[in-house]
Amino acid sequence: MIADTNFMEIQSIGLAGLEKAQEKLAAVAKRLSSGGQVSSSGDSSGDVVDLSAEMVALMLAKNASGANLRAVETANELASRSIDVLG
């Protein structure tokens, strides 16, 4: 059934997006825990963690997670409703 494959594609895309967001979150966590100096002034001498940039990265990962999670939930809901209609 074509409809089933469309739901699975949406779900797969959403799950891949969730994985990508998780990887970004892990990268931010690694940079924050690296033990470098903390700076929000943009100073680039030595190992410096730019808190502003990392906060933006965290917010982007959060938004990406939410959007992809909603895509997976929607695909599941559509599949469930299709089963109800066809069943």
PDB file of N, CA and C in Angstrom:
ATOM      1  N   MET A   1       0.831  -1.182   0.000  1.00  0.00           N
ATOM      2  CA  MET A   1       0.000   0.000   0.000  1.00  0.00           C
ATOM      3  C   MET A   1       0.878   1.250   0.000  1.00  0.00           C
ATOM      4  N   ILE A   2       0.534   2.153  -0.875  1.00  0.00           N
ATOM      5  CA  ILE A   2       1.297   3.401  -0.978  1.00  0.00           C
ATOM      6  C   ILE A   2       1.148   4.234   0.282  1.00  0.00           C
ATOM      7  N   ALA A   3      -0.050   4.256   0.849  1.00  0.00           N
ATOM      8  CA  ALA A   3      -0.286   5.056   2.056  1.00  0.00           C
ATOM      9  C   ALA A   3       0.609   4.603   3.205  1.00  0.00           C
ATOM     10  N   ASP A   4       0.771   3.276   3.345  1.00  0.00           N
ATOM     11  CA  ASP A   4       1.621   2.762   4.419  1.00  0.00           C
ATOM     12  C   ASP A   4       3.066   3.206   4.247  1.00  0.00           C
ATOM     13  N   THR A   5       3.560   3.196   3.015  1.00  0.00           N
ATOM     14  CA  THR A   5       4.943   3.608   2.795  1.00  0.00           C
ATOM     15  C   THR A   5       5.130   5.093   3.059  1.00  0.00           C
ATOM     16  N   ASN A   6       4.116   5.904   2.754  1.00  0.00           N
ATOM     17  CA  ASN A   6       4.217   7.338   3.038  1.00  0.00           C
ATOM     18  C   ASN A   6       4.315   7.598   4.530  1.00  0.00           C
ATOM     19  N   PHE A   7       3.517   6.885   5.336  1.00  0.00           N
ATOM     20  CA  PHE A   7       3.579   7.058   6.779  1.00  0.00           C
ATOM     21  C   PHE A   7       4.942   6.624   7.300  1.00  0.00           C
ATOM     22  N   MET A   8       5.446   5.518   6.755  1.00  0.00           N
ATOM     23  CA  MET A   8       6.742   5.022   7.192  1.00  0.00           C
ATOM     24  C   MET A   8       7.859   5.988   6.797  1.00  0.00           C
ATOM     25  N   GLU A   9       7.742   6.615   5.615  1.00  0.00           N
ATOM     26  CA  GLU A   9       8.750   7.590   5.206  1.00  0.00           C
ATOM     27  C   GLU A   9       8.751   8.794   6.136  1.00  0.00           C
ATOM     28  N   ILE A  10       7.567   9.295   6.459  1.00  0.00           N
ATOM     29  CA  ILE A  10       7.474  10.436   7.370  1.00  0.00           C
ATOM     30  C   ILE A  10       8.072  10.066   8.725  1.00  0.00           C
ATOM     31  N   GLN A  11       7.743   8.888   9.186  1.00  0.00           N
ATOM     32  CA  GLN A  11       8.250   8.440  10.478  1.00  0.00           C
ATOM     33  C   GLN A  11       9.773   8.280  10.432  1.00  0.00           C
ATOM     34  N   SER A  12      10.284   7.709   9.359  1.00  0.00           N
ATOM     35  CA  SER A  12      11.736   7.527   9.229  1.00  0.00           C
ATOM     36  C   SER A  12      12.463   8.862   9.170  1.00  0.00           C
ATOM     37  N   ILE A  13      11.890   9.810   8.442  1.00  0.00           N
ATOM     38  CA  ILE A  13      12.490  11.138   8.358  1.00  0.00           C
ATOM     39  C   ILE A  13      12.509  11.801   9.731  1.00  0.00           C
ATOM     40  N   GLY A  14      11.401  11.693  10.449  1.00  0.00           N
ATOM     41  CA  GLY A  14      11.332  12.265  11.792  1.00  0.00           C
ATOM     42  C   GLY A  14      12.330  11.627  12.743  1.00  0.00           C
ATOM     43  N   LEU A  15      12.457  10.305  12.668  1.00  0.00           N
ATOM     44  CA  LEU A  15      13.412   9.608  13.537  1.00  0.00           C
ATOM     45  C   LEU A  15      14.849   9.978  13.190  1.00  0.00           C
ATOM     46  N   ALA A  16      15.141  10.127  11.905  1.00  0.00           N
ATOM     47  CA  ALA A  16      16.479  10.548  11.493  1.00  0.00           C
ATOM     48  C   ALA A  16      16.778  11.963  11.996  1.00  0.00           C
ATOM     49  N   GLY A  17      15.773  12.828  11.939  1.00  0.00           N
ATOM     50  CA  GLY A  17      15.935  14.183  12.453  1.00  0.00           C
ATOM     51  C   GLY A  17      16.176  14.203  13.949  1.00  0.00           C
ATOM     52  N   LEU A  18      15.473  13.336  14.677  1.00  0.00           N
ATOM     53  CA  LEU A  18      15.689  13.233  16.123  1.00  0.00           C
ATOM     54  C   LEU A  18      17.112  12.771  16.426  1.00  0.00           C
ATOM     55  N   GLU A  19      17.604  11.820  15.646  1.00  0.00           N
ATOM     56  CA  GLU A  19      18.972  11.336  15.846  1.00  0.00           C
ATOM     57  C   GLU A  19      19.990  12.445  15.582  1.00  0.00           C
ATOM     58  N   LYS A  20      19.752  13.216  14.526  1.00  0.00           N
ATOM     59  CA  LYS A  20      20.654  14.323  14.189  1.00  0.00           C
ATOM     60  C   LYS A  20      20.659  15.375  15.305  1.00  0.00           C
ATOM     61  N   ALA A  21      19.478  15.692  15.835  1.00  0.00           N
ATOM     62  CA  ALA A  21      19.388  16.667  16.925  1.00  0.00           C
ATOM     63  C   ALA A  21      20.112  16.156  18.167  1.00  0.00           C
ATOM     64  N   GLN A  22      20.008  14.858  18.424  1.00  0.00           N
ATOM     65  CA  GLN A  22      20.691  14.268  19.573  1.00  0.00           C
ATOM     66  C   GLN A  22      22.208  14.356  19.395  1.00  0.00           C
ATOM     67  N   GLU A  23      22.677  14.148  18.166  1.00  0.00           N
ATOM     68  CA  GLU A  23      24.114  14.259  17.899  1.00  0.00           C
ATOM     69  C   GLU A  23      24.600  15.688  18.139  1.00  0.00           C
ATOM     70  N   LYS A  24      23.795  16.667  17.708  1.00  0.00           N
ATOM     71  CA  LYS A  24      24.165  18.071  17.931  1.00  0.00           C
ATOM     72  C   LYS A  24      24.201  18.390  19.419  1.00  0.00           C
ATOM     73  N   LEU A  25      23.226  17.882  20.156  1.00  0.00           N
ATOM     74  CA  LEU A  25      23.190  18.099  21.597  1.00  0.00           C
ATOM     75  C   LEU A  25      24.412  17.489  22.267  1.00  0.00           C
ATOM     76  N   ALA A  26      24.796  16.294  21.845  1.00  0.00           N
ATOM     77  CA  ALA A  26      25.982  15.645  22.409  1.00  0.00           C
ATOM     78  C   ALA A  26      27.243  16.450  22.091  1.00  0.00           C
ATOM     79  N   ALA A  27      27.311  17.025  20.896  1.00  0.00           N
ATOM     80  CA  ALA A  27      28.480  17.828  20.527  1.00  0.00           C
ATOM     81  C   ALA A  27      28.569  19.080  21.393  1.00  0.00           C
ATOM     82  N   VAL A  28      27.433  19.720  21.649  1.00  0.00           N
ATOM     83  CA  VAL A  28      27.421  20.904  22.512  1.00  0.00           C
ATOM     84  C   VAL A  28      27.845  20.517  23.927  1.00  0.00           C
ATOM     85  N   ALA A  29      27.300  19.429  24.430  1.00  0.00           N
ATOM     86  CA  ALA A  29      27.655  18.979  25.781  1.00  0.00           C
ATOM     87  C   ALA A  29      29.151  18.691  25.884  1.00  0.00           C
ATOM     88  N   LYS A  30      29.706  18.096  24.842  1.00  0.00           N
ATOM     89  CA  LYS A  30      31.145  17.799  24.844  1.00  0.00           C
ATOM     90  C   LYS A  30      31.969  19.077  24.865  1.00  0.00           C
ATOM     91  N   ARG A  31      31.548  20.060  24.056  1.00  0.00           N
ATOM     92  CA  ARG A  31      32.286  21.323  24.043  1.00  0.00           C
ATOM     93  C   ARG A  31      32.180  22.041  25.385  1.00  0.00           C
ATOM     94  N   LEU A  32      30.998  22.003  25.994  1.00  0.00           N
ATOM     95  CA  LEU A  32      30.817  22.683  27.276  1.00  0.00           C
ATOM     96  C   LEU A  32      31.591  22.002  28.401  1.00  0.00           C
ATOM     97  N   SER A  33      31.761  20.698  28.312  1.00  0.00           N
ATOM     98  CA  SER A  33      32.461  19.975  29.378  1.00  0.00           C
ATOM     99  C   SER A  33      33.945  19.799  29.094  1.00  0.00           C
ATOM    100  N   SER A  34      34.435  20.458  28.049  1.00  0.00           N
ATOM    101  CA  SER A  34      35.834  20.284  27.658  1.00  0.00           C
ATOM    102  C   SER A  34      36.813  20.893  28.650  1.00  0.00           C
ATOM    103  N   GLY A  35      36.327  21.724  29.529  1.00  0.00           N
ATOM    104  CA  GLY A  35      37.204  22.313  30.534  1.00  0.00           C
ATOM    105  C   GLY A  35      37.886  23.588  30.091  1.00  0.00           C
ATOM    106  N   GLY A  36      37.486  24.123  28.940  1.00  0.00           N
ATOM    107  CA  GLY A  36      38.071  25.369  28.471  1.00  0.00           C
ATOM    108  C   GLY A  36      37.538  26.553  29.245  1.00  0.00           C
ATOM    109  N   GLN A  37      38.156  27.704  29.012  1.00  0.00           N
ATOM    110  CA  GLN A  37      37.679  28.928  29.636  1.00  0.00           C
ATOM    111  C   GLN A  37      36.287  29.244  29.098  1.00  0.00           C
ATOM    112  N   VAL A  38      35.485  29.862  29.896  1.00  0.00           N
ATOM    113  CA  VAL A  38      34.149  30.262  29.481  1.00  0.00           C
ATOM    114  C   VAL A  38      34.175  31.737  29.142  1.00  0.00           C
ATOM    115  N   SER A  39      33.636  32.069  27.967  1.00  0.00           N
ATOM    116  CA  SER A  39      33.623  33.461  27.542  1.00  0.00           C
ATOM    117  C   SER A  39      32.350  33.749  26.775  1.00  0.00           C
ATOM    118  N   SER A  40      31.817  34.915  26.992  1.00  0.00           N
ATOM    119  CA  SER A  40      30.686  35.354  26.173  1.00  0.00           C
ATOM    120  C   SER A  40      31.060  36.605  25.394  1.00  0.00           C
ATOM    121  N   SER A  41      32.332  36.977  25.458  1.00  0.00           N
ATOM    122  CA  SER A  41      32.785  38.203  24.792  1.00  0.00           C
ATOM    123  C   SER A  41      33.351  37.952  23.403  1.00  0.00           C
ATOM    124  N   GLY A  42      33.438  36.689  22.989  1.00  0.00           N
ATOM    125  CA  GLY A  42      33.977  36.391  21.669  1.00  0.00           C
ATOM    126  C   GLY A  42      35.486  36.279  21.641  1.00  0.00           C
ATOM    127  N   ASP A  43      36.140  36.276  22.801  1.00  0.00           N
ATOM    128  CA  ASP A  43      37.593  36.129  22.867  1.00  0.00           C
ATOM    129  C   ASP A  43      37.972  34.737  22.373  1.00  0.00           C
ATOM    130  N   SER A  44      38.932  34.666  21.455  1.00  0.00           N
ATOM    131  CA  SER A  44      39.281  33.373  20.857  1.00  0.00           C
ATOM    132  C   SER A  44      40.677  32.905  21.227  1.00  0.00           C
ATOM    133  N   SER A  45      41.218  33.370  22.318  1.00  0.00           N
ATOM    134  CA  SER A  45      42.554  32.938  22.724  1.00  0.00           C
ATOM    135  C   SER A  45      42.450  31.653  23.541  1.00  0.00           C
ATOM    136  N   GLY A  46      43.201  30.628  23.147  1.00  0.00           N
ATOM    137  CA  GLY A  46      43.202  29.368  23.871  1.00  0.00           C
ATOM    138  C   GLY A  46      41.903  28.607  23.697  1.00  0.00           C
ATOM    139  N   ASP A  47      41.642  27.695  24.625  1.00  0.00           N
ATOM    140  CA  ASP A  47      40.397  26.927  24.616  1.00  0.00           C
ATOM    141  C   ASP A  47      39.303  27.748  25.272  1.00  0.00           C
ATOM    142  N   VAL A  48      38.454  28.328  24.462  1.00  0.00           N
ATOM    143  CA  VAL A  48      37.395  29.183  24.973  1.00  0.00           C
ATOM    144  C   VAL A  48      36.057  28.625  24.526  1.00  0.00           C
ATOM    145  N   VAL A  49      35.117  28.574  25.446  1.00  0.00           N
ATOM    146  CA  VAL A  49      33.768  28.138  25.131  1.00  0.00           C
ATOM    147  C   VAL A  49      32.902  29.383  25.018  1.00  0.00           C
ATOM    148  N   ASP A  50      32.316  29.591  23.857  1.00  0.00           N
ATOM    149  CA  ASP A  50      31.435  30.733  23.626  1.00  0.00           C
ATOM    150  C   ASP A  50      30.025  30.354  24.077  1.00  0.00           C
ATOM    151  N   LEU A  51      29.635  30.828  25.254  1.00  0.00           N
ATOM    152  CA  LEU A  51      28.338  30.451  25.820  1.00  0.00           C
ATOM    153  C   LEU A  51      27.168  30.885  24.945  1.00  0.00           C
ATOM    154  N   SER A  52      27.280  32.023  24.292  1.00  0.00           N
ATOM    155  CA  SER A  52      26.196  32.487  23.428  1.00  0.00           C
ATOM    156  C   SER A  52      25.985  31.520  22.267  1.00  0.00           C
ATOM    157  N   ALA A  53      27.058  31.129  21.621  1.00  0.00           N
ATOM    158  CA  ALA A  53      26.960  30.207  20.488  1.00  0.00           C
ATOM    159  C   ALA A  53      26.446  28.843  20.937  1.00  0.00           C
ATOM    160  N   GLU A  54      26.900  28.398  22.096  1.00  0.00           N
ATOM    161  CA  GLU A  54      26.460  27.089  22.588  1.00  0.00           C
ATOM    162  C   GLU A  54      24.982  27.118  22.989  1.00  0.00           C
ATOM    163  N   MET A  55      24.531  28.232  23.537  1.00  0.00           N
ATOM    164  CA  MET A  55      23.118  28.356  23.892  1.00  0.00           C
ATOM    165  C   MET A  55      22.247  28.338  22.644  1.00  0.00           C
ATOM    166  N   VAL A  56      22.694  29.032  21.613  1.00  0.00           N
ATOM    167  CA  VAL A  56      21.962  29.016  20.339  1.00  0.00           C
ATOM    168  C   VAL A  56      21.919  27.592  19.793  1.00  0.00           C
ATOM    169  N   ALA A  57      23.038  26.872  19.863  1.00  0.00           N
ATOM    170  CA  ALA A  57      23.083  25.492  19.383  1.00  0.00           C
ATOM    171  C   ALA A  57      22.128  24.602  20.181  1.00  0.00           C
ATOM    172  N   LEU A  58      22.075  24.818  21.493  1.00  0.00           N
ATOM    173  CA  LEU A  58      21.139  24.051  22.326  1.00  0.00           C
ATOM    174  C   LEU A  58      19.690  24.344  21.957  1.00  0.00           C
ATOM    175  N   MET A  59      19.372  25.610  21.717  1.00  0.00           N
ATOM    176  CA  MET A  59      18.002  25.975  21.340  1.00  0.00           C
ATOM    177  C   MET A  59      17.634  25.395  19.982  1.00  0.00           C
ATOM    178  N   LEU A  60      18.578  25.390  19.042  1.00  0.00           N
ATOM    179  CA  LEU A  60      18.329  24.797  17.730  1.00  0.00           C
ATOM    180  C   LEU A  60      18.080  23.295  17.847  1.00  0.00           C
ATOM    181  N   ALA A  61      18.864  22.617  18.671  1.00  0.00           N
ATOM    182  CA  ALA A  61      18.679  21.184  18.878  1.00  0.00           C
ATOM    183  C   ALA A  61      17.323  20.905  19.524  1.00  0.00           C
ATOM    184  N   LYS A  62      16.927  21.753  20.470  1.00  0.00           N
ATOM    185  CA  LYS A  62      15.628  21.592  21.128  1.00  0.00           C
ATOM    186  C   LYS A  62      14.499  21.760  20.118  1.00  0.00           C
ATOM    187  N   ASN A  63      14.563  22.797  19.306  1.00  0.00           N
ATOM    188  CA  ASN A  63      13.516  23.046  18.310  1.00  0.00           C
ATOM    189  C   ASN A  63      13.464  21.939  17.266  1.00  0.00           C
ATOM    190  N   ALA A  64      14.625  21.466  16.836  1.00  0.00           N
ATOM    191  CA  ALA A  64      14.674  20.381  15.858  1.00  0.00           C
ATOM    192  C   ALA A  64      14.070  19.109  16.445  1.00  0.00           C
ATOM    193  N   SER A  65      14.382  18.842  17.712  1.00  0.00           N
ATOM    194  CA  SER A  65      13.818  17.659  18.375  1.00  0.00           C
ATOM    195  C   SER A  65      12.304  17.745  18.436  1.00  0.00           C
ATOM    196  N   GLY A  66      11.802  18.894  18.823  1.00  0.00           N
ATOM    197  CA  GLY A  66      10.353  19.073  18.921  1.00  0.00           C
ATOM    198  C   GLY A  66       9.652  18.918  17.581  1.00  0.00           C
ATOM    199  N   ALA A  67      10.214  19.502  16.537  1.00  0.00           N
ATOM    200  CA  ALA A  67       9.611  19.421  15.208  1.00  0.00           C
ATOM    201  C   ALA A  67       9.631  17.989  14.680  1.00  0.00           C
ATOM    202  N   ASN A  68      10.747  17.310  14.861  1.00  0.00           N
ATOM    203  CA  ASN A  68      10.838  15.935  14.376  1.00  0.00           C
ATOM    204  C   ASN A  68       9.981  14.978  15.187  1.00  0.00           C
ATOM    205  N   LEU A  69       9.884  15.218  16.470  1.00  0.00           N
ATOM    206  CA  LEU A  69       9.014  14.403  17.305  1.00  0.00           C
ATOM    207  C   LEU A  69       7.567  14.573  16.883  1.00  0.00           C
ATOM    208  N   ARG A  70       7.191  15.786  16.573  1.00  0.00           N
ATOM    209  CA  ARG A  70       5.816  16.045  16.111  1.00  0.00           C
ATOM    210  C   ARG A  70       5.555  15.349  14.775  1.00  0.00           C
ATOM    211  N   ALA A  71       6.544  15.296  13.897  1.00  0.00           N
ATOM    212  CA  ALA A  71       6.389  14.593  12.616  1.00  0.00           C
ATOM    213  C   ALA A  71       6.151  13.100  12.852  1.00  0.00           C
ATOM    214  N   VAL A  72       6.899  12.509  13.779  1.00  0.00           N
ATOM    215  CA  VAL A  72       6.714  11.088  14.092  1.00  0.00           C
ATOM    216  C   VAL A  72       5.335  10.858  14.696  1.00  0.00           C
ATOM    217  N   GLU A  73       4.929  11.722  15.616  1.00  0.00           N
ATOM    218  CA  GLU A  73       3.609  11.585  16.232  1.00  0.00           C
ATOM    219  C   GLU A  73       2.495  11.710  15.193  1.00  0.00           C
ATOM    220  N   THR A  74       2.648  12.629  14.268  1.00  0.00           N
ATOM    221  CA  THR A  74       1.647  12.828  13.222  1.00  0.00           C
ATOM    222  C   THR A  74       1.566  11.611  12.309  1.00  0.00           C
ATOM    223  N   ALA A  75       2.712  11.059  11.940  1.00  0.00           N
ATOM    224  CA  ALA A  75       2.727   9.855  11.101  1.00  0.00           C
ATOM    225  C   ALA A  75       2.020   8.705  11.809  1.00  0.00           C
ATOM    226  N   ASN A  76       2.283   8.544  13.093  1.00  0.00           N
ATOM    227  CA  ASN A  76       1.624   7.490  13.866  1.00  0.00           C
ATOM    228  C   ASN A  76       0.114   7.712  13.934  1.00  0.00           C
ATOM    229  N   GLU A  77      -0.275   8.957  14.143  1.00  0.00           N
ATOM    230  CA  GLU A  77      -1.698   9.290  14.219  1.00  0.00           C
ATOM    231  C   GLU A  77      -2.392   9.029  12.878  1.00  0.00           C
ATOM    232  N   LEU A  78      -1.750   9.414  11.781  1.00  0.00           N
ATOM    233  CA  LEU A  78      -2.317   9.176  10.458  1.00  0.00           C
ATOM    234  C   LEU A  78      -2.450   7.685  10.171  1.00  0.00           C
ATOM    235  N   ALA A  79      -1.449   6.916  10.552  1.00  0.00           N
ATOM    236  CA  ALA A  79      -1.502   5.470  10.347  1.00  0.00           C
ATOM    237  C   ALA A  79      -2.638   4.859  11.162  1.00  0.00           C
ATOM    238  N   SER A  80      -2.784   5.311  12.399  1.00  0.00           N
ATOM    239  CA  SER A  80      -3.851   4.807  13.262  1.00  0.00           C
ATOM    240  C   SER A  80      -5.236   5.135  12.704  1.00  0.00           C
ATOM    241  N   ARG A  81      -5.392   6.359  12.235  1.00  0.00           N
ATOM    242  CA  ARG A  81      -6.686   6.746  11.663  1.00  0.00           C
ATOM    243  C   ARG A  81      -6.978   5.990  10.377  1.00  0.00           C
ATOM    244  N   SER A  82      -5.955   5.731   9.590  1.00  0.00           N
ATOM    245  CA  SER A  82      -6.151   4.960   8.362  1.00  0.00           C
ATOM    246  C   SER A  82      -6.607   3.544   8.678  1.00  0.00           C
ATOM    247  N   ILE A  83      -6.022   2.963   9.712  1.00  0.00           N
ATOM    248  CA  ILE A  83      -6.438   1.621  10.135  1.00  0.00           C
ATOM    249  C   ILE A  83      -7.885   1.640  10.589  1.00  0.00           C
ATOM    250  N   ASP A  84      -8.266   2.686  11.327  1.00  0.00           N
ATOM    251  CA  ASP A  84      -9.652   2.801  11.781  1.00  0.00           C
ATOM    252  C   ASP A  84     -10.614   2.914  10.595  1.00  0.00           C
ATOM    253  N   VAL A  85     -10.238   3.684   9.581  1.00  0.00           N
ATOM    254  CA  VAL A  85     -11.098   3.871   8.416  1.00  0.00           C
ATOM    255  C   VAL A  85     -11.185   2.578   7.605  1.00  0.00           C
ATOM    256  N   LEU A  86     -10.049   1.931   7.414  1.00  0.00           N
ATOM    257  CA  LEU A  86     -10.022   0.713   6.594  1.00  0.00           C
ATOM    258  C   LEU A  86     -10.504  -0.511   7.356  1.00  0.00           C
ATOM    259  N   GLY A  87     -10.385  -0.485   8.655  1.00  0.00           N
ATOM    260  CA  GLY A  87     -10.726  -1.655   9.485  1.00  0.00           C
ATOM    261  C   GLY A  87     -12.156  -1.711   9.775  1.00  0.00           C
TER     262      GLY A  87
END
